[in-house]
Amino acid sequence: NVTDAELASASNVAGKVSAFNSSGFSLETGSLSILSVNGSSNSYVG
């Protein structure tokens, strides 16, 4: 929904998909809420 360049994994400030697994994917939290994929009590779809 924005034109922004890629936010690299090394930034680790926004929450991310940290790994792709045989049965799905793993998530990490971060501090930048506008890009969070793992915020507390939020509902998500993938």
ModelCIF file with pLDDT and N, C-alpha, C, O atoms, coordinates in Angstrom:
data_MODEL
#
_entry.id   MODEL 
#
_entity.id                         1 
_entity.type                       polymer 
_entity.pdbx_number_of_molecules   1 
#
_entity_poly.entity_id                      1 
_entity_poly.type                           'polypeptide(L)' 
_entity_poly.nstd_linkage                   no 
_entity_poly.nstd_monomer                   no 
_entity_poly.pdbx_seq_one_letter_code       NVTDAELASASNVAGKVSAFNSSGFSLETGSLSILSVNGSSNSYVG 
_entity_poly.pdbx_seq_one_letter_code_can   NVTDAELASASNVAGKVSAFNSSGFSLETGSLSILSVNGSSNSYVG 
_entity_poly.pdbx_strand_id                 A 
#
loop_
_entity_poly_seq.entity_id 
_entity_poly_seq.num 
_entity_poly_seq.mon_id 
_entity_poly_seq.hetero 
1 1  ASN n 
1 2  VAL n 
1 3  THR n 
1 4  ASP n 
1 5  ALA n 
1 6  GLU n 
1 7  LEU n 
1 8  ALA n 
1 9  SER n 
1 10 ALA n 
1 11 SER n 
1 12 ASN n 
1 13 VAL n 
1 14 ALA n 
1 15 GLY n 
1 16 LYS n 
1 17 VAL n 
1 18 SER n 
1 19 ALA n 
1 20 PHE n 
1 21 ASN n 
1 22 SER n 
1 23 SER n 
1 24 GLY n 
1 25 PHE n 
1 26 SER n 
1 27 LEU n 
1 28 GLU n 
1 29 THR n 
1 30 GLY n 
1 31 SER n 
1 32 LEU n 
1 33 SER n 
1 34 ILE n 
1 35 LEU n 
1 36 SER n 
1 37 VAL n 
1 38 ASN n 
1 39 GLY n 
1 40 SER n 
1 41 SER n 
1 42 ASN n 
1 43 SER n 
1 44 TYR n 
1 45 VAL n 
1 46 GLY n 
#
_struct_asym.id          A 
_struct_asym.entity_id   1 
#
loop_
_ma_qa_metric.id 
_ma_qa_metric.mode 
_ma_qa_metric.name 
_ma_qa_metric.software_group_id 
_ma_qa_metric.type 
1 global pLDDT . pLDDT 
2 local  pLDDT . pLDDT 
#
_ma_qa_metric_global.metric_id      1 
_ma_qa_metric_global.metric_value   77.54 
_ma_qa_metric_global.model_id       1 
_ma_qa_metric_global.ordinal_id     1 
#
loop_
_ma_qa_metric_local.label_asym_id 
_ma_qa_metric_local.label_comp_id 
_ma_qa_metric_local.label_seq_id 
_ma_qa_metric_local.metric_id 
_ma_qa_metric_local.metric_value 
_ma_qa_metric_local.model_id 
_ma_qa_metric_local.ordinal_id 
A ASN 1  2 90.00 1 1  
A VAL 2  2 92.00 1 2  
A THR 3  2 93.00 1 3  
A ASP 4  2 91.00 1 4  
A ALA 5  2 92.00 1 5  
A GLU 6  2 91.00 1 6  
A LEU 7  2 84.00 1 7  
A ALA 8  2 80.00 1 8  
A SER 9  2 70.00 1 9  
A ALA 10 2 64.00 1 10 
A SER 11 2 62.00 1 11 
A ASN 12 2 55.00 1 12 
A VAL 13 2 56.00 1 13 
A ALA 14 2 61.00 1 14 
A GLY 15 2 71.00 1 15 
A LYS 16 2 79.00 1 16 
A VAL 17 2 85.00 1 17 
A SER 18 2 83.00 1 18 
A ALA 19 2 88.00 1 19 
A PHE 20 2 89.00 1 20 
A ASN 21 2 88.00 1 21 
A SER 22 2 86.00 1 22 
A SER 23 2 86.00 1 23 
A GLY 24 2 89.00 1 24 
A PHE 25 2 90.00 1 25 
A SER 26 2 88.00 1 26 
A LEU 27 2 85.00 1 27 
A GLU 28 2 80.00 1 28 
A THR 29 2 75.00 1 29 
A GLY 30 2 67.00 1 30 
A SER 31 2 64.00 1 31 
A LEU 32 2 62.00 1 32 
A SER 33 2 56.00 1 33 
A ILE 34 2 57.00 1 34 
A LEU 35 2 57.00 1 35 
A SER 36 2 66.00 1 36 
A VAL 37 2 78.00 1 37 
A ASN 38 2 74.00 1 38 
A GLY 39 2 73.00 1 39 
A SER 40 2 73.00 1 40 
A SER 41 2 75.00 1 41 
A ASN 42 2 77.00 1 42 
A SER 43 2 82.00 1 43 
A TYR 44 2 85.00 1 44 
A VAL 45 2 89.00 1 45 
A GLY 46 2 89.00 1 46 
#
loop_
_atom_site.group_PDB 
_atom_site.id 
_atom_site.type_symbol 
_atom_site.label_atom_id 
_atom_site.label_alt_id 
_atom_site.label_comp_id 
_atom_site.label_asym_id 
_atom_site.label_entity_id 
_atom_site.label_seq_id 
_atom_site.pdbx_PDB_ins_code 
_atom_site.Cartn_x 
_atom_site.Cartn_y 
_atom_site.Cartn_z 
_atom_site.occupancy 
_atom_site.B_iso_or_equiv 
_atom_site.pdbx_formal_charge 
_atom_site.auth_seq_id 
_atom_site.auth_comp_id 
_atom_site.auth_asym_id 
_atom_site.auth_atom_id 
_atom_site.pdbx_PDB_model_num 
ATOM 1   N N  . ASN A 1 1  ? 0.801  -1.220  0.000  1.00 90.00 ? 1  ASN A N  1 
ATOM 2   C CA . ASN A 1 1  ? 0.000  0.000   0.000  1.00 90.00 ? 1  ASN A CA 1 
ATOM 3   C C  . ASN A 1 1  ? 0.840  1.279   0.000  1.00 90.00 ? 1  ASN A C  1 
ATOM 4   O O  . ASN A 1 1  ? 0.287  2.377   0.063  1.00 90.00 ? 1  ASN A O  1 
ATOM 5   N N  . VAL A 1 2  ? 2.163  1.150   -0.070 1.00 92.00 ? 2  VAL A N  1 
ATOM 6   C CA . VAL A 1 2  ? 3.052  2.309   -0.161 1.00 92.00 ? 2  VAL A CA 1 
ATOM 7   C C  . VAL A 1 2  ? 4.135  2.024   -1.201 1.00 92.00 ? 2  VAL A C  1 
ATOM 8   O O  . VAL A 1 2  ? 4.319  0.882   -1.622 1.00 92.00 ? 2  VAL A O  1 
ATOM 9   N N  . THR A 1 3  ? 4.847  3.072   -1.608 1.00 93.00 ? 3  THR A N  1 
ATOM 10  C CA . THR A 1 3  ? 5.908  2.914   -2.598 1.00 93.00 ? 3  THR A CA 1 
ATOM 11  C C  . THR A 1 3  ? 7.272  2.693   -1.959 1.00 93.00 ? 3  THR A C  1 
ATOM 12  O O  . THR A 1 3  ? 8.271  2.620   -2.675 1.00 93.00 ? 3  THR A O  1 
ATOM 13  N N  . ASP A 1 4  ? 7.347  2.585   -0.655 1.00 91.00 ? 4  ASP A N  1 
ATOM 14  C CA . ASP A 1 4  ? 8.621  2.507   0.060  1.00 91.00 ? 4  ASP A CA 1 
ATOM 15  C C  . ASP A 1 4  ? 9.536  1.417   -0.484 1.00 91.00 ? 4  ASP A C  1 
ATOM 16  O O  . ASP A 1 4  ? 9.084  0.381   -0.969 1.00 91.00 ? 4  ASP A O  1 
ATOM 17  N N  . ALA A 1 5  ? 10.836 1.682   -0.387 1.00 92.00 ? 5  ALA A N  1 
ATOM 18  C CA . ALA A 1 5  ? 11.822 0.656   -0.706 1.00 92.00 ? 5  ALA A CA 1 
ATOM 19  C C  . ALA A 1 5  ? 11.754 -0.460  0.334  1.00 92.00 ? 5  ALA A C  1 
ATOM 20  O O  . ALA A 1 5  ? 11.110 -0.326  1.375  1.00 92.00 ? 5  ALA A O  1 
ATOM 21  N N  . GLU A 1 6  ? 12.427 -1.549  0.031  1.00 91.00 ? 6  GLU A N  1 
ATOM 22  C CA . GLU A 1 6  ? 12.449 -2.706  0.928  1.00 91.00 ? 6  GLU A CA 1 
ATOM 23  C C  . GLU A 1 6  ? 13.078 -2.357  2.269  1.00 91.00 ? 6  GLU A C  1 
ATOM 24  O O  . GLU A 1 6  ? 14.105 -1.681  2.332  1.00 91.00 ? 6  GLU A O  1 
ATOM 25  N N  . LEU A 1 7  ? 12.444 -2.830  3.340  1.00 84.00 ? 7  LEU A N  1 
ATOM 26  C CA . LEU A 1 7  ? 13.012 -2.723  4.676  1.00 84.00 ? 7  LEU A CA 1 
ATOM 27  C C  . LEU A 1 7  ? 13.769 -4.011  4.953  1.00 84.00 ? 7  LEU A C  1 
ATOM 28  O O  . LEU A 1 7  ? 13.172 -5.083  5.059  1.00 84.00 ? 7  LEU A O  1 
ATOM 29  N N  . ALA A 1 8  ? 15.086 -3.901  5.070  1.00 80.00 ? 8  ALA A N  1 
ATOM 30  C CA . ALA A 1 8  ? 15.931 -5.088  5.166  1.00 80.00 ? 8  ALA A CA 1 
ATOM 31  C C  . ALA A 1 8  ? 15.810 -5.755  6.520  1.00 80.00 ? 8  ALA A C  1 
ATOM 32  O O  . ALA A 1 8  ? 15.526 -5.110  7.530  1.00 80.00 ? 8  ALA A O  1 
ATOM 33  N N  . SER A 1 9  ? 16.030 -7.053  6.521  1.00 70.00 ? 9  SER A N  1 
ATOM 34  C CA . SER A 1 9  ? 15.943 -7.849  7.733  1.00 70.00 ? 9  SER A CA 1 
ATOM 35  C C  . SER A 1 9  ? 16.854 -7.321  8.825  1.00 70.00 ? 9  SER A C  1 
ATOM 36  O O  . SER A 1 9  ? 16.507 -7.365  10.005 1.00 70.00 ? 9  SER A O  1 
ATOM 37  N N  . ALA A 1 10 ? 18.028 -6.818  8.431  1.00 64.00 ? 10 ALA A N  1 
ATOM 38  C CA . ALA A 1 10 ? 18.995 -6.344  9.413  1.00 64.00 ? 10 ALA A CA 1 
ATOM 39  C C  . ALA A 1 10 ? 18.463 -5.187  10.244 1.00 64.00 ? 10 ALA A C  1 
ATOM 40  O O  . ALA A 1 10 ? 18.917 -4.957  11.365 1.00 64.00 ? 10 ALA A O  1 
ATOM 41  N N  . SER A 1 11 ? 17.476 -4.442  9.676  1.00 62.00 ? 11 SER A N  1 
ATOM 42  C CA . SER A 1 11 ? 16.903 -3.327  10.414 1.00 62.00 ? 11 SER A CA 1 
ATOM 43  C C  . SER A 1 11 ? 16.196 -3.823  11.670 1.00 62.00 ? 11 SER A C  1 
ATOM 44  O O  . SER A 1 11 ? 16.318 -3.224  12.738 1.00 62.00 ? 11 SER A O  1 
ATOM 45  N N  . ASN A 1 12 ? 15.465 -4.910  11.535 1.00 55.00 ? 12 ASN A N  1 
ATOM 46  C CA . ASN A 1 12 ? 14.807 -5.595  12.658 1.00 55.00 ? 12 ASN A CA 1 
ATOM 47  C C  . ASN A 1 12 ? 14.098 -4.621  13.601 1.00 55.00 ? 12 ASN A C  1 
ATOM 48  O O  . ASN A 1 12 ? 14.217 -4.728  14.821 1.00 55.00 ? 12 ASN A O  1 
ATOM 49  N N  . VAL A 1 13 ? 13.364 -3.677  13.025 1.00 56.00 ? 13 VAL A N  1 
ATOM 50  C CA . VAL A 1 13 ? 12.699 -2.684  13.855 1.00 56.00 ? 13 VAL A CA 1 
ATOM 51  C C  . VAL A 1 13 ? 11.185 -2.748  13.745 1.00 56.00 ? 13 VAL A C  1 
ATOM 52  O O  . VAL A 1 13 ? 10.487 -1.968  14.392 1.00 56.00 ? 13 VAL A O  1 
ATOM 53  N N  . ALA A 1 14 ? 10.670 -3.660  12.940 1.00 61.00 ? 14 ALA A N  1 
ATOM 54  C CA . ALA A 1 14 ? 9.251  -3.580  12.640 1.00 61.00 ? 14 ALA A CA 1 
ATOM 55  C C  . ALA A 1 14 ? 8.485  -4.880  12.791 1.00 61.00 ? 14 ALA A C  1 
ATOM 56  O O  . ALA A 1 14 ? 7.309  -4.945  12.433 1.00 61.00 ? 14 ALA A O  1 
ATOM 57  N N  . GLY A 1 15 ? 9.120  -5.910  13.310 1.00 71.00 ? 15 GLY A N  1 
ATOM 58  C CA . GLY A 1 15 ? 8.466  -7.211  13.295 1.00 71.00 ? 15 GLY A CA 1 
ATOM 59  C C  . GLY A 1 15 ? 8.588  -7.808  11.911 1.00 71.00 ? 15 GLY A C  1 
ATOM 60  O O  . GLY A 1 15 ? 8.570  -7.077  10.921 1.00 71.00 ? 15 GLY A O  1 
ATOM 61  N N  . LYS A 1 16 ? 8.711  -9.118  11.821 1.00 79.00 ? 16 LYS A N  1 
ATOM 62  C CA . LYS A 1 16 ? 8.986  -9.701  10.515 1.00 79.00 ? 16 LYS A CA 1 
ATOM 63  C C  . LYS A 1 16 ? 8.672  -11.182 10.503 1.00 79.00 ? 16 LYS A C  1 
ATOM 64  O O  . LYS A 1 16 ? 8.499  -11.806 11.550 1.00 79.00 ? 16 LYS A O  1 
ATOM 65  N N  . VAL A 1 17 ? 8.602  -11.734 9.302  1.00 85.00 ? 17 VAL A N  1 
ATOM 66  C CA . VAL A 1 17 ? 8.668  -13.178 9.105  1.00 85.00 ? 17 VAL A CA 1 
ATOM 67  C C  . VAL A 1 17 ? 10.145 -13.528 9.194  1.00 85.00 ? 17 VAL A C  1 
ATOM 68  O O  . VAL A 1 17 ? 10.936 -13.122 8.343  1.00 85.00 ? 17 VAL A O  1 
ATOM 69  N N  . SER A 1 18 ? 10.512 -14.273 10.211 1.00 83.00 ? 18 SER A N  1 
ATOM 70  C CA . SER A 1 18 ? 11.926 -14.537 10.474 1.00 83.00 ? 18 SER A CA 1 
ATOM 71  C C  . SER A 1 18 ? 12.443 -15.797 9.796  1.00 83.00 ? 18 SER A C  1 
ATOM 72  O O  . SER A 1 18 ? 13.651 -15.956 9.621  1.00 83.00 ? 18 SER A O  1 
ATOM 73  N N  . ALA A 1 19 ? 11.530 -16.702 9.409  1.00 88.00 ? 19 ALA A N  1 
ATOM 74  C CA . ALA A 1 19 ? 11.957 -17.943 8.760  1.00 88.00 ? 19 ALA A CA 1 
ATOM 75  C C  . ALA A 1 19 ? 10.773 -18.575 8.042  1.00 88.00 ? 19 ALA A C  1 
ATOM 76  O O  . ALA A 1 19 ? 9.622  -18.435 8.456  1.00 88.00 ? 19 ALA A O  1 
ATOM 77  N N  . PHE A 1 20 ? 11.088 -19.277 6.954  1.00 89.00 ? 20 PHE A N  1 
ATOM 78  C CA . PHE A 1 20 ? 10.103 -20.099 6.259  1.00 89.00 ? 20 PHE A CA 1 
ATOM 79  C C  . PHE A 1 20 ? 10.371 -21.547 6.613  1.00 89.00 ? 20 PHE A C  1 
ATOM 80  O O  . PHE A 1 20 ? 11.492 -22.034 6.470  1.00 89.00 ? 20 PHE A O  1 
ATOM 81  N N  . ASN A 1 21 ? 9.326  -22.240 7.081  1.00 88.00 ? 21 ASN A N  1 
ATOM 82  C CA . ASN A 1 21 ? 9.472  -23.604 7.561  1.00 88.00 ? 21 ASN A CA 1 
ATOM 83  C C  . ASN A 1 21 ? 8.698  -24.573 6.679  1.00 88.00 ? 21 ASN A C  1 
ATOM 84  O O  . ASN A 1 21 ? 7.935  -24.147 5.812  1.00 88.00 ? 21 ASN A O  1 
ATOM 85  N N  . SER A 1 22 ? 8.885  -25.869 6.890  1.00 86.00 ? 22 SER A N  1 
ATOM 86  C CA . SER A 1 22 ? 8.221  -26.882 6.081  1.00 86.00 ? 22 SER A CA 1 
ATOM 87  C C  . SER A 1 22 ? 6.704  -26.839 6.246  1.00 86.00 ? 22 SER A C  1 
ATOM 88  O O  . SER A 1 22 ? 5.968  -27.280 5.363  1.00 86.00 ? 22 SER A O  1 
ATOM 89  N N  . SER A 1 23 ? 6.238  -26.309 7.372  1.00 86.00 ? 23 SER A N  1 
ATOM 90  C CA . SER A 1 23 ? 4.799  -26.285 7.629  1.00 86.00 ? 23 SER A CA 1 
ATOM 91  C C  . SER A 1 23 ? 4.230  -24.874 7.763  1.00 86.00 ? 23 SER A C  1 
ATOM 92  O O  . SER A 1 23 ? 3.059  -24.716 8.109  1.00 86.00 ? 23 SER A O  1 
ATOM 93  N N  . GLY A 1 24 ? 5.047  -23.836 7.492  1.00 89.00 ? 24 GLY A N  1 
ATOM 94  C CA . GLY A 1 24 ? 4.551  -22.473 7.621  1.00 89.00 ? 24 GLY A CA 1 
ATOM 95  C C  . GLY A 1 24 ? 5.676  -21.469 7.732  1.00 89.00 ? 24 GLY A C  1 
ATOM 96  O O  . GLY A 1 24 ? 6.666  -21.551 7.004  1.00 89.00 ? 24 GLY A O  1 
ATOM 97  N N  . PHE A 1 25 ? 5.525  -20.514 8.648  1.00 90.00 ? 25 PHE A N  1 
ATOM 98  C CA . PHE A 1 25 ? 6.564  -19.504 8.829  1.00 90.00 ? 25 PHE A CA 1 
ATOM 99  C C  . PHE A 1 25 ? 6.613  -19.068 10.283 1.00 90.00 ? 25 PHE A C  1 
ATOM 100 O O  . PHE A 1 25 ? 5.651  -19.247 11.030 1.00 90.00 ? 25 PHE A O  1 
ATOM 101 N N  . SER A 1 26 ? 7.758  -18.486 10.680 1.00 88.00 ? 26 SER A N  1 
ATOM 102 C CA . SER A 1 26 ? 7.961  -18.000 12.043 1.00 88.00 ? 26 SER A CA 1 
ATOM 103 C C  . SER A 1 26 ? 7.971  -16.478 12.049 1.00 88.00 ? 26 SER A C  1 
ATOM 104 O O  . SER A 1 26 ? 8.326  -15.844 11.055 1.00 88.00 ? 26 SER A O  1 
ATOM 105 N N  . LEU A 1 27 ? 7.573  -15.894 13.192 1.00 85.00 ? 27 LEU A N  1 
ATOM 106 C CA . LEU A 1 27 ? 7.478  -14.450 13.322 1.00 85.00 ? 27 LEU A CA 1 
ATOM 107 C C  . LEU A 1 27 ? 8.349  -13.938 14.458 1.00 85.00 ? 27 LEU A C  1 
ATOM 108 O O  . LEU A 1 27 ? 8.593  -14.632 15.445 1.00 85.00 ? 27 LEU A O  1 
ATOM 109 N N  . GLU A 1 28 ? 8.814  -12.696 14.289 1.00 80.00 ? 28 GLU A N  1 
ATOM 110 C CA . GLU A 1 28 ? 9.487  -11.977 15.362 1.00 80.00 ? 28 GLU A CA 1 
ATOM 111 C C  . GLU A 1 28 ? 8.772  -10.647 15.572 1.00 80.00 ? 28 GLU A C  1 
ATOM 112 O O  . GLU A 1 28 ? 8.169  -10.109 14.643 1.00 80.00 ? 28 GLU A O  1 
ATOM 113 N N  . THR A 1 29 ? 8.840  -10.125 16.773 1.00 75.00 ? 29 THR A N  1 
ATOM 114 C CA . THR A 1 29 ? 8.273  -8.816  17.051 1.00 75.00 ? 29 THR A CA 1 
ATOM 115 C C  . THR A 1 29 ? 9.312  -7.744  16.775 1.00 75.00 ? 29 THR A C  1 
ATOM 116 O O  . THR A 1 29 ? 10.494 -8.031  16.582 1.00 75.00 ? 29 THR A O  1 
ATOM 117 N N  . GLY A 1 30 ? 8.847  -6.503  16.761 1.00 67.00 ? 30 GLY A N  1 
ATOM 118 C CA . GLY A 1 30 ? 9.743  -5.372  16.567 1.00 67.00 ? 30 GLY A CA 1 
ATOM 119 C C  . GLY A 1 30 ? 9.163  -4.143  17.226 1.00 67.00 ? 30 GLY A C  1 
ATOM 120 O O  . GLY A 1 30 ? 8.159  -4.231  17.932 1.00 67.00 ? 30 GLY A O  1 
ATOM 121 N N  . SER A 1 31 ? 9.782  -2.999  17.006 1.00 64.00 ? 31 SER A N  1 
ATOM 122 C CA . SER A 1 31 ? 9.375  -1.794  17.713 1.00 64.00 ? 31 SER A CA 1 
ATOM 123 C C  . SER A 1 31 ? 8.607  -0.800  16.857 1.00 64.00 ? 31 SER A C  1 
ATOM 124 O O  . SER A 1 31 ? 8.030  0.144   17.396 1.00 64.00 ? 31 SER A O  1 
ATOM 125 N N  . LEU A 1 32 ? 8.579  -0.981  15.537 1.00 62.00 ? 32 LEU A N  1 
ATOM 126 C CA . LEU A 1 32 ? 7.907  -0.032  14.653 1.00 62.00 ? 32 LEU A CA 1 
ATOM 127 C C  . LEU A 1 32 ? 6.514  -0.555  14.353 1.00 62.00 ? 32 LEU A C  1 
ATOM 128 O O  . LEU A 1 32 ? 6.358  -1.472  13.548 1.00 62.00 ? 32 LEU A O  1 
ATOM 129 N N  . SER A 1 33 ? 5.501  0.014   14.989 1.00 56.00 ? 33 SER A N  1 
ATOM 130 C CA . SER A 1 33 ? 4.158  -0.564  14.968 1.00 56.00 ? 33 SER A CA 1 
ATOM 131 C C  . SER A 1 33 ? 3.511  -0.530  13.596 1.00 56.00 ? 33 SER A C  1 
ATOM 132 O O  . SER A 1 33 ? 2.668  -1.379  13.304 1.00 56.00 ? 33 SER A O  1 
ATOM 133 N N  . ILE A 1 34 ? 3.879  0.430   12.731 1.00 57.00 ? 34 ILE A N  1 
ATOM 134 C CA . ILE A 1 34 ? 3.185  0.539   11.445 1.00 57.00 ? 34 ILE A CA 1 
ATOM 135 C C  . ILE A 1 34 ? 3.488  -0.631  10.529 1.00 57.00 ? 34 ILE A C  1 
ATOM 136 O O  . ILE A 1 34 ? 2.778  -0.831  9.544  1.00 57.00 ? 34 ILE A O  1 
ATOM 137 N N  . LEU A 1 35 ? 4.508  -1.400  10.819 1.00 57.00 ? 35 LEU A N  1 
ATOM 138 C CA . LEU A 1 35 ? 4.815  -2.566  9.995  1.00 57.00 ? 35 LEU A CA 1 
ATOM 139 C C  . LEU A 1 35 ? 4.739  -3.863  10.793 1.00 57.00 ? 35 LEU A C  1 
ATOM 140 O O  . LEU A 1 35 ? 5.230  -4.897  10.341 1.00 57.00 ? 35 LEU A O  1 
ATOM 141 N N  . SER A 1 36 ? 4.133  -3.819  11.967 1.00 66.00 ? 36 SER A N  1 
ATOM 142 C CA . SER A 1 36 ? 4.114  -4.996  12.822 1.00 66.00 ? 36 SER A CA 1 
ATOM 143 C C  . SER A 1 36 ? 3.347  -6.145  12.192 1.00 66.00 ? 36 SER A C  1 
ATOM 144 O O  . SER A 1 36 ? 2.286  -5.948  11.599 1.00 66.00 ? 36 SER A O  1 
ATOM 145 N N  . VAL A 1 37 ? 3.893  -7.348  12.325 1.00 78.00 ? 37 VAL A N  1 
ATOM 146 C CA . VAL A 1 37 ? 3.175  -8.546  11.894 1.00 78.00 ? 37 VAL A CA 1 
ATOM 147 C C  . VAL A 1 37 ? 2.868  -9.445  13.084 1.00 78.00 ? 37 VAL A C  1 
ATOM 148 O O  . VAL A 1 37 ? 2.357  -10.553 12.924 1.00 78.00 ? 37 VAL A O  1 
ATOM 149 N N  . ASN A 1 38 ? 3.184  -8.957  14.276 1.00 74.00 ? 38 ASN A N  1 
ATOM 150 C CA . ASN A 1 38 ? 3.050  -9.804  15.452 1.00 74.00 ? 38 ASN A CA 1 
ATOM 151 C C  . ASN A 1 38 ? 2.749  -8.975  16.690 1.00 74.00 ? 38 ASN A C  1 
ATOM 152 O O  . ASN A 1 38 ? 3.295  -9.231  17.764 1.00 74.00 ? 38 ASN A O  1 
ATOM 153 N N  . GLY A 1 39 ? 1.873  -7.974  16.539 1.00 73.00 ? 39 GLY A N  1 
ATOM 154 C CA . GLY A 1 39 ? 1.528  -7.121  17.665 1.00 73.00 ? 39 GLY A CA 1 
ATOM 155 C C  . GLY A 1 39 ? 0.637  -7.830  18.667 1.00 73.00 ? 39 GLY A C  1 
ATOM 156 O O  . GLY A 1 39 ? -0.196 -8.653  18.287 1.00 73.00 ? 39 GLY A O  1 
ATOM 157 N N  . SER A 1 40 ? 0.799  -7.525  19.913 1.00 73.00 ? 40 SER A N  1 
ATOM 158 C CA . SER A 1 40 ? 0.024  -8.158  20.967 1.00 73.00 ? 40 SER A CA 1 
ATOM 159 C C  . SER A 1 40 ? -1.467 -7.917  20.796 1.00 73.00 ? 40 SER A C  1 
ATOM 160 O O  . SER A 1 40 ? -1.907 -6.775  20.669 1.00 73.00 ? 40 SER A O  1 
ATOM 161 N N  . SER A 1 41 ? -2.245 -8.998  20.793 1.00 75.00 ? 41 SER A N  1 
ATOM 162 C CA . SER A 1 41 ? -3.713 -8.983  20.740 1.00 75.00 ? 41 SER A CA 1 
ATOM 163 C C  . SER A 1 41 ? -4.279 -8.540  19.396 1.00 75.00 ? 41 SER A C  1 
ATOM 164 O O  . SER A 1 41 ? -5.499 -8.447  19.258 1.00 75.00 ? 41 SER A O  1 
ATOM 165 N N  . ASN A 1 42 ? -3.433 -8.262  18.394 1.00 77.00 ? 42 ASN A N  1 
ATOM 166 C CA . ASN A 1 42 ? -3.948 -7.916  17.070 1.00 77.00 ? 42 ASN A CA 1 
ATOM 167 C C  . ASN A 1 42 ? -4.317 -9.174  16.296 1.00 77.00 ? 42 ASN A C  1 
ATOM 168 O O  . ASN A 1 42 ? -3.727 -10.235 16.499 1.00 77.00 ? 42 ASN A O  1 
ATOM 169 N N  . SER A 1 43 ? -5.287 -9.047  15.414 1.00 82.00 ? 43 SER A N  1 
ATOM 170 C CA . SER A 1 43 ? -5.680 -10.165 14.545 1.00 82.00 ? 43 SER A CA 1 
ATOM 171 C C  . SER A 1 43 ? -5.041 -9.989  13.171 1.00 82.00 ? 43 SER A C  1 
ATOM 172 O O  . SER A 1 43 ? -4.981 -8.875  12.650 1.00 82.00 ? 43 SER A O  1 
ATOM 173 N N  . TYR A 1 44 ? -4.568 -11.074 12.591 1.00 85.00 ? 44 TYR A N  1 
ATOM 174 C CA . TYR A 1 44 ? -3.867 -11.036 11.309 1.00 85.00 ? 44 TYR A CA 1 
ATOM 175 C C  . TYR A 1 44 ? -4.400 -12.128 10.387 1.00 85.00 ? 44 TYR A C  1 
ATOM 176 O O  . TYR A 1 44 ? -4.982 -13.115 10.836 1.00 85.00 ? 44 TYR A O  1 
ATOM 177 N N  . VAL A 1 45 ? -4.190 -11.928 9.103  1.00 89.00 ? 45 VAL A N  1 
ATOM 178 C CA . VAL A 1 45 ? -4.441 -12.975 8.123  1.00 89.00 ? 45 VAL A CA 1 
ATOM 179 C C  . VAL A 1 45 ? -3.207 -13.096 7.240  1.00 89.00 ? 45 VAL A C  1 
ATOM 180 O O  . VAL A 1 45 ? -2.562 -12.093 6.936  1.00 89.00 ? 45 VAL A O  1 
ATOM 181 N N  . GLY A 1 46 ? -2.876 -14.306 6.831  1.00 89.00 ? 46 GLY A N  1 
ATOM 182 C CA . GLY A 1 46 ? -1.736 -14.528 5.949  1.00 89.00 ? 46 GLY A CA 1 
ATOM 183 C C  . GLY A 1 46 ? -2.146 -15.343 4.744  1.00 89.00 ? 46 GLY A C  1 
ATOM 184 O O  . GLY A 1 46 ? -1.316 -15.633 3.883  1.00 89.00 ? 46 GLY A O  1 
#
